[in-house]
Amino acid sequence: MALLTVTEAARLARRSRASIYRDIEKGRLDKVFTADGALKIDSAALARAYGEIGRREEPGAPGASPAATDKAIQAVLRQVDGAKVEEQGEGGAVLEVAVLRERLAACEHRIALLERIAQLEKAARQAADVTWRQRVQGKDEVINALTLALARPEPQPLPQAPARPRDDAWPTWRHAPGGEKRAIN
């Protein structure tokens, strides 16, 4: 019985750490805490939950990693290409030229499509630029109008009629401290 960390268990079981934690929570895996409080997983419980652990992947097997599958595909393609070269012999050169011409035509077609896509994208960018330019120009016009409106000088107050001389014939009253009213003029 070997105790493994979650990372080691995930690597051996070819699962993610999140899957290991999820299986611990669901009770599929037993967790063990060491004296220092670290979470460990029993290798026997890992083997029971996921089958044989730590075995080497066979390329192309169900559940194999994408890298292993790609390697297997590349190996098969190399074997097939090698068999074609052996089968061709001297007369195979004509066949090879025909295949190369087909590939060249396909590549030229793809290049033409990519150039057309680039032209369409350029036209779309230019149309977007025009739209943005128009919007910016419209905003500039609004800013200029607001600036002119705010920059106008304030209207001058109208001249007032000359103040009438004060008529001293009428008395001006003040309240005296005793509540009496007294004329001050």
C-alpha atoms as a PDB file:
ATOM      1  CA  MET A   1       0.000   0.000   0.000  1.00  0.00           C
ATOM      2  CA  ALA A   2       1.719   3.167  -1.252  1.00  0.00           C
ATOM      3  CA  LEU A   3       0.396   6.601  -0.405  1.00  0.00           C
ATOM      4  CA  LEU A   4       0.280   9.049  -3.305  1.00  0.00           C
ATOM      5  CA  THR A   5      -0.315  12.785  -3.487  1.00  0.00           C
ATOM      6  CA  VAL A   6      -3.294  13.983  -5.505  1.00  0.00           C
ATOM      7  CA  THR A   7      -0.985  15.116  -8.308  1.00  0.00           C
ATOM      8  CA  GLU A   8       0.797  11.743  -8.436  1.00  0.00           C
ATOM      9  CA  ALA A   9      -2.524   9.901  -8.382  1.00  0.00           C
ATOM     10  CA  ALA A  10      -3.870  12.073 -11.211  1.00  0.00           C
ATOM     11  CA  ARG A  11      -0.759  11.410 -13.310  1.00  0.00           C
ATOM     12  CA  LEU A  12      -0.846   7.652 -12.726  1.00  0.00           C
ATOM     13  CA  ALA A  13      -4.598   7.392 -13.351  1.00  0.00           C
ATOM     14  CA  ARG A  14      -4.403   9.709 -16.386  1.00  0.00           C
ATOM     15  CA  ARG A  15      -7.086  11.946 -14.879  1.00  0.00           C
ATOM     16  CA  SER A  16      -7.182  15.579 -13.861  1.00  0.00           C
ATOM     17  CA  ARG A  17      -6.676  16.633 -10.258  1.00  0.00           C
ATOM     18  CA  ALA A  18     -10.244  17.941 -10.272  1.00  0.00           C
ATOM     19  CA  SER A  19     -11.486  14.442 -11.192  1.00  0.00           C
ATOM     20  CA  ILE A  20      -9.492  12.942  -8.332  1.00  0.00           C
ATOM     21  CA  TYR A  21     -10.944  15.450  -5.847  1.00  0.00           C
ATOM     22  CA  ARG A  22     -14.455  14.868  -7.216  1.00  0.00           C
ATOM     23  CA  ASP A  23     -14.061  11.086  -6.831  1.00  0.00           C
ATOM     24  CA  ILE A  24     -12.816  11.570  -3.250  1.00  0.00           C
ATOM     25  CA  GLU A  25     -15.924  13.634  -2.449  1.00  0.00           C
ATOM     26  CA  LYS A  26     -18.220  11.043  -4.035  1.00  0.00           C
ATOM     27  CA  GLY A  27     -16.534   8.240  -2.078  1.00  0.00           C
ATOM     28  CA  ARG A  28     -15.002   6.424  -5.047  1.00  0.00           C
ATOM     29  CA  LEU A  29     -11.520   7.013  -3.632  1.00  0.00           C
ATOM     30  CA  ASP A  30     -10.375   6.764  -0.012  1.00  0.00           C
ATOM     31  CA  LYS A  31      -8.422   9.669   1.401  1.00  0.00           C
ATOM     32  CA  VAL A  32      -5.732   9.366   4.022  1.00  0.00           C
ATOM     33  CA  PHE A  33      -4.281  12.197   6.063  1.00  0.00           C
ATOM     34  CA  THR A  34      -0.665  11.851   7.143  1.00  0.00           C
ATOM     35  CA  ALA A  35       0.660  12.993  10.530  1.00  0.00           C
ATOM     36  CA  ASP A  36       1.593  16.363   9.041  1.00  0.00           C
ATOM     37  CA  GLY A  37      -1.958  16.823   7.705  1.00  0.00           C
ATOM     38  CA  ALA A  38      -1.176  16.182   4.014  1.00  0.00           C
ATOM     39  CA  LEU A  39      -3.875  14.522   1.895  1.00  0.00           C
ATOM     40  CA  LYS A  40      -2.753  11.212   0.392  1.00  0.00           C
ATOM     41  CA  ILE A  41      -4.474   8.531  -1.675  1.00  0.00           C
ATOM     42  CA  ASP A  42      -3.904   4.810  -1.332  1.00  0.00           C
ATOM     43  CA  SER A  43      -2.562   3.283  -4.548  1.00  0.00           C
ATOM     44  CA  ALA A  44      -4.702   0.172  -4.053  1.00  0.00           C
ATOM     45  CA  ALA A  45      -7.863   2.303  -3.889  1.00  0.00           C
ATOM     46  CA  LEU A  46      -6.713   4.136  -7.006  1.00  0.00           C
ATOM     47  CA  ALA A  47      -6.279   0.797  -8.838  1.00  0.00           C
ATOM     48  CA  ARG A  48      -9.734  -0.351  -7.713  1.00  0.00           C
ATOM     49  CA  ALA A  49     -11.353   2.869  -8.923  1.00  0.00           C
ATOM     50  CA  TYR A  50      -9.564   3.252 -12.268  1.00  0.00           C
ATOM     51  CA  GLY A  51      -8.252  -0.202 -13.119  1.00  0.00           C
ATOM     52  CA  GLU A  52      -4.588  -0.786 -13.864  1.00  0.00           C
ATOM     53  CA  ILE A  53      -2.577   2.349 -13.083  1.00  0.00           C
ATOM     54  CA  GLY A  54       0.762   3.502 -14.342  1.00  0.00           C
ATOM     55  CA  ARG A  55       0.752   1.299 -17.441  1.00  0.00           C
ATOM     56  CA  ARG A  56       2.159   2.655 -20.626  1.00  0.00           C
ATOM     57  CA  GLU A  57      -0.323   3.937 -23.192  1.00  0.00           C
ATOM     58  CA  GLU A  58      -0.695   2.058 -26.394  1.00  0.00           C
ATOM     59  CA  PRO A  59      -0.986   4.545 -29.258  1.00  0.00           C
ATOM     60  CA  GLY A  60      -4.391   4.512 -30.860  1.00  0.00           C
ATOM     61  CA  ALA A  61      -5.977   2.608 -27.978  1.00  0.00           C
ATOM     62  CA  PRO A  62      -9.305   3.908 -26.717  1.00  0.00           C
ATOM     63  CA  GLY A  63      -8.683   6.584 -24.103  1.00  0.00           C
ATOM     64  CA  ALA A  64      -5.109   7.187 -25.230  1.00  0.00           C
ATOM     65  CA  SER A  65      -3.831  10.730 -25.141  1.00  0.00           C
ATOM     66  CA  PRO A  66      -4.082  12.823 -28.319  1.00  0.00           C
ATOM     67  CA  ALA A  67      -0.287  12.976 -28.578  1.00  0.00           C
ATOM     68  CA  ALA A  68      -0.025   9.175 -28.551  1.00  0.00           C
ATOM     69  CA  THR A  69      -2.807   8.903 -31.134  1.00  0.00           C
ATOM     70  CA  ASP A  70      -1.093  11.466 -33.379  1.00  0.00           C
ATOM     71  CA  LYS A  71       2.167   9.548 -33.151  1.00  0.00           C
ATOM     72  CA  ALA A  72       0.381   6.353 -34.161  1.00  0.00           C
ATOM     73  CA  ILE A  73      -1.280   8.075 -37.132  1.00  0.00           C
ATOM     74  CA  GLN A  74       2.051   9.517 -38.280  1.00  0.00           C
ATOM     75  CA  ALA A  75       3.676   6.072 -38.045  1.00  0.00           C
ATOM     76  CA  VAL A  76       0.906   4.506 -40.146  1.00  0.00           C
ATOM     77  CA  LEU A  77       1.197   7.285 -42.752  1.00  0.00           C
ATOM     78  CA  ARG A  78       4.966   6.753 -42.971  1.00  0.00           C
ATOM     79  CA  GLN A  79       4.401   3.026 -43.520  1.00  0.00           C
ATOM     80  CA  VAL A  80       1.792   3.678 -46.219  1.00  0.00           C
ATOM     81  CA  ASP A  81       4.021   6.223 -47.989  1.00  0.00           C
ATOM     82  CA  GLY A  82       6.928   3.765 -47.852  1.00  0.00           C
ATOM     83  CA  ALA A  83       4.764   1.027 -49.389  1.00  0.00           C
ATOM     84  CA  LYS A  84       3.691   3.348 -52.225  1.00  0.00           C
ATOM     85  CA  VAL A  85       7.291   4.170 -53.090  1.00  0.00           C
ATOM     86  CA  GLU A  86       8.183   0.471 -53.195  1.00  0.00           C
ATOM     87  CA  GLU A  87       5.146  -0.336 -55.390  1.00  0.00           C
ATOM     88  CA  GLN A  88       5.806   2.488 -57.839  1.00  0.00           C
ATOM     89  CA  GLY A  89       9.167   1.415 -59.174  1.00  0.00           C
ATOM     90  CA  GLU A  90      10.182   3.091 -62.476  1.00  0.00           C
ATOM     91  CA  GLY A  91       6.667   3.759 -63.780  1.00  0.00           C
ATOM     92  CA  GLY A  92       5.717   5.410 -60.514  1.00  0.00           C
ATOM     93  CA  ALA A  93       7.503   8.649 -61.421  1.00  0.00           C
ATOM     94  CA  VAL A  94       4.662   9.595 -63.792  1.00  0.00           C
ATOM     95  CA  LEU A  95       2.104   8.860 -61.082  1.00  0.00           C
ATOM     96  CA  GLU A  96       4.097  10.910 -58.582  1.00  0.00           C
ATOM     97  CA  VAL A  97       4.189  13.891 -60.963  1.00  0.00           C
ATOM     98  CA  ALA A  98       0.408  13.688 -61.408  1.00  0.00           C
ATOM     99  CA  VAL A  99      -0.094  13.608 -57.647  1.00  0.00           C
ATOM    100  CA  LEU A 100       2.243  16.578 -57.210  1.00  0.00           C
ATOM    101  CA  ARG A 101       0.345  18.529 -59.892  1.00  0.00           C
ATOM    102  CA  GLU A 102      -2.942  17.873 -58.081  1.00  0.00           C
ATOM    103  CA  ARG A 103      -1.437  19.066 -54.816  1.00  0.00           C
ATOM    104  CA  LEU A 104      -0.051  22.170 -56.534  1.00  0.00           C
ATOM    105  CA  ALA A 105      -3.461  22.979 -58.044  1.00  0.00           C
ATOM    106  CA  ALA A 106      -5.105  22.532 -54.643  1.00  0.00           C
ATOM    107  CA  CYS A 107      -2.522  24.829 -53.034  1.00  0.00           C
ATOM    108  CA  GLU A 108      -2.983  27.473 -55.739  1.00  0.00           C
ATOM    109  CA  HIS A 109      -6.758  27.302 -55.244  1.00  0.00           C
ATOM    110  CA  ARG A 110      -6.313  27.695 -51.505  1.00  0.00           C
ATOM    111  CA  ILE A 111      -3.993  30.688 -52.019  1.00  0.00           C
ATOM    112  CA  ALA A 112      -6.576  32.305 -54.297  1.00  0.00           C
ATOM    113  CA  LEU A 113      -9.267  31.796 -51.647  1.00  0.00           C
ATOM    114  CA  LEU A 114      -7.035  33.239 -48.936  1.00  0.00           C
ATOM    115  CA  GLU A 115      -6.263  36.280 -51.108  1.00  0.00           C
ATOM    116  CA  ARG A 116      -9.995  36.816 -51.660  1.00  0.00           C
ATOM    117  CA  ILE A 117     -10.628  36.558 -47.925  1.00  0.00           C
ATOM    118  CA  ALA A 118      -7.867  39.103 -47.298  1.00  0.00           C
ATOM    119  CA  GLN A 119      -9.433  41.494 -49.848  1.00  0.00           C
ATOM    120  CA  LEU A 120     -12.864  41.143 -48.228  1.00  0.00           C
ATOM    121  CA  GLU A 121     -11.420  41.747 -44.762  1.00  0.00           C
ATOM    122  CA  LYS A 122      -9.580  44.814 -46.046  1.00  0.00           C
ATOM    123  CA  ALA A 123     -12.786  46.189 -47.576  1.00  0.00           C
ATOM    124  CA  ALA A 124     -14.650  45.552 -44.312  1.00  0.00           C
ATOM    125  CA  ARG A 125     -11.937  47.362 -42.324  1.00  0.00           C
ATOM    126  CA  GLN A 126     -12.056  50.306 -44.715  1.00  0.00           C
ATOM    127  CA  ALA A 127     -15.853  50.488 -44.462  1.00  0.00           C
ATOM    128  CA  ALA A 128     -15.582  50.391 -40.678  1.00  0.00           C
ATOM    129  CA  ASP A 129     -12.954  53.155 -40.821  1.00  0.00           C
ATOM    130  CA  VAL A 130     -15.292  55.328 -42.904  1.00  0.00           C
ATOM    131  CA  THR A 131     -18.105  54.746 -40.437  1.00  0.00           C
ATOM    132  CA  TRP A 132     -15.878  55.623 -37.519  1.00  0.00           C
ATOM    133  CA  ARG A 133     -14.563  58.690 -39.311  1.00  0.00           C
ATOM    134  CA  GLN A 134     -18.122  59.897 -39.915  1.00  0.00           C
ATOM    135  CA  ARG A 135     -19.027  59.347 -36.281  1.00  0.00           C
ATOM    136  CA  VAL A 136     -15.913  61.164 -35.097  1.00  0.00           C
ATOM    137  CA  GLN A 137     -16.580  64.017 -37.524  1.00  0.00           C
ATOM    138  CA  GLY A 138     -20.162  64.313 -36.238  1.00  0.00           C
ATOM    139  CA  LYS A 139     -18.902  64.412 -32.662  1.00  0.00           C
ATOM    140  CA  ASP A 140     -16.324  67.057 -33.618  1.00  0.00           C
ATOM    141  CA  GLU A 141     -19.107  69.205 -35.095  1.00  0.00           C
ATOM    142  CA  VAL A 142     -21.116  68.923 -31.879  1.00  0.00           C
ATOM    143  CA  ILE A 143     -18.053  69.819 -29.811  1.00  0.00           C
ATOM    144  CA  ASN A 144     -17.352  72.861 -31.999  1.00  0.00           C
ATOM    145  CA  ALA A 145     -20.971  74.048 -31.738  1.00  0.00           C
ATOM    146  CA  LEU A 146     -20.924  73.663 -27.963  1.00  0.00           C
ATOM    147  CA  THR A 147     -17.591  75.450 -27.736  1.00  0.00           C
ATOM    148  CA  LEU A 148     -18.941  78.373 -29.761  1.00  0.00           C
ATOM    149  CA  ALA A 149     -22.095  78.506 -27.660  1.00  0.00           C
ATOM    150  CA  LEU A 150     -20.120  78.583 -24.452  1.00  0.00           C
ATOM    151  CA  ALA A 151     -17.553  81.049 -25.775  1.00  0.00           C
ATOM    152  CA  ARG A 152     -20.060  83.775 -26.694  1.00  0.00           C
ATOM    153  CA  PRO A 153     -19.618  86.871 -24.552  1.00  0.00           C
ATOM    154  CA  GLU A 154     -22.252  87.427 -21.957  1.00  0.00           C
ATOM    155  CA  PRO A 155     -24.790  90.062 -22.905  1.00  0.00           C
ATOM    156  CA  GLN A 156     -24.073  93.472 -21.388  1.00  0.00           C
ATOM    157  CA  PRO A 157     -26.633  94.654 -18.877  1.00  0.00           C
ATOM    158  CA  LEU A 158     -28.954  97.339 -20.128  1.00  0.00           C
ATOM    159  CA  PRO A 159     -28.101 100.811 -18.938  1.00  0.00           C
ATOM    160  CA  GLN A 160     -30.251 101.738 -15.998  1.00  0.00           C
ATOM    161  CA  ALA A 161     -32.025 104.986 -15.577  1.00  0.00           C
ATOM    162  CA  PRO A 162     -30.154 107.405 -13.376  1.00  0.00           C
ATOM    163  CA  ALA A 163     -30.998 106.998  -9.758  1.00  0.00           C
ATOM    164  CA  ARG A 164     -33.509 109.498  -8.458  1.00  0.00           C
ATOM    165  CA  PRO A 165     -32.172 111.848  -5.924  1.00  0.00           C
ATOM    166  CA  ARG A 166     -33.294 110.998  -2.509  1.00  0.00           C
ATOM    167  CA  ASP A 167     -36.099 112.996  -1.274  1.00  0.00           C
ATOM    168  CA  ASP A 168     -35.190 114.083   2.185  1.00  0.00           C
ATOM    169  CA  ALA A 169     -38.634 115.425   2.798  1.00  0.00           C
ATOM    170  CA  TRP A 170     -39.723 112.087   3.937  1.00  0.00           C
ATOM    171  CA  PRO A 171     -38.260 111.023   7.246  1.00  0.00           C
ATOM    172  CA  THR A 172     -36.311 107.822   7.693  1.00  0.00           C
ATOM    173  CA  TRP A 173     -37.207 106.021  10.871  1.00  0.00           C
ATOM    174  CA  ARG A 174     -35.196 103.911  13.227  1.00  0.00           C
ATOM    175  CA  HIS A 175     -36.202 101.964  16.251  1.00  0.00           C
ATOM    176  CA  ALA A 176     -34.823 103.339  19.441  1.00  0.00           C
ATOM    177  CA  PRO A 177     -33.855 101.083  22.335  1.00  0.00           C
ATOM    178  CA  GLY A 178     -37.025 101.715  24.248  1.00  0.00           C
ATOM    179  CA  GLY A 179     -39.218 100.644  21.350  1.00  0.00           C
ATOM    180  CA  GLU A 180     -39.767 104.171  20.108  1.00  0.00           C
ATOM    181  CA  LYS A 181     -39.466 105.166  16.501  1.00  0.00           C
ATOM    182  CA  ARG A 182     -37.261 108.161  15.811  1.00  0.00           C
ATOM    183  CA  ALA A 183     -36.656 110.034  12.634  1.00  0.00           C
ATOM    184  CA  ILE A 184     -32.985 110.213  11.747  1.00  0.00           C
ATOM    185  CA  ASN A 185     -33.139 113.003   9.147  1.00  0.00           C
END
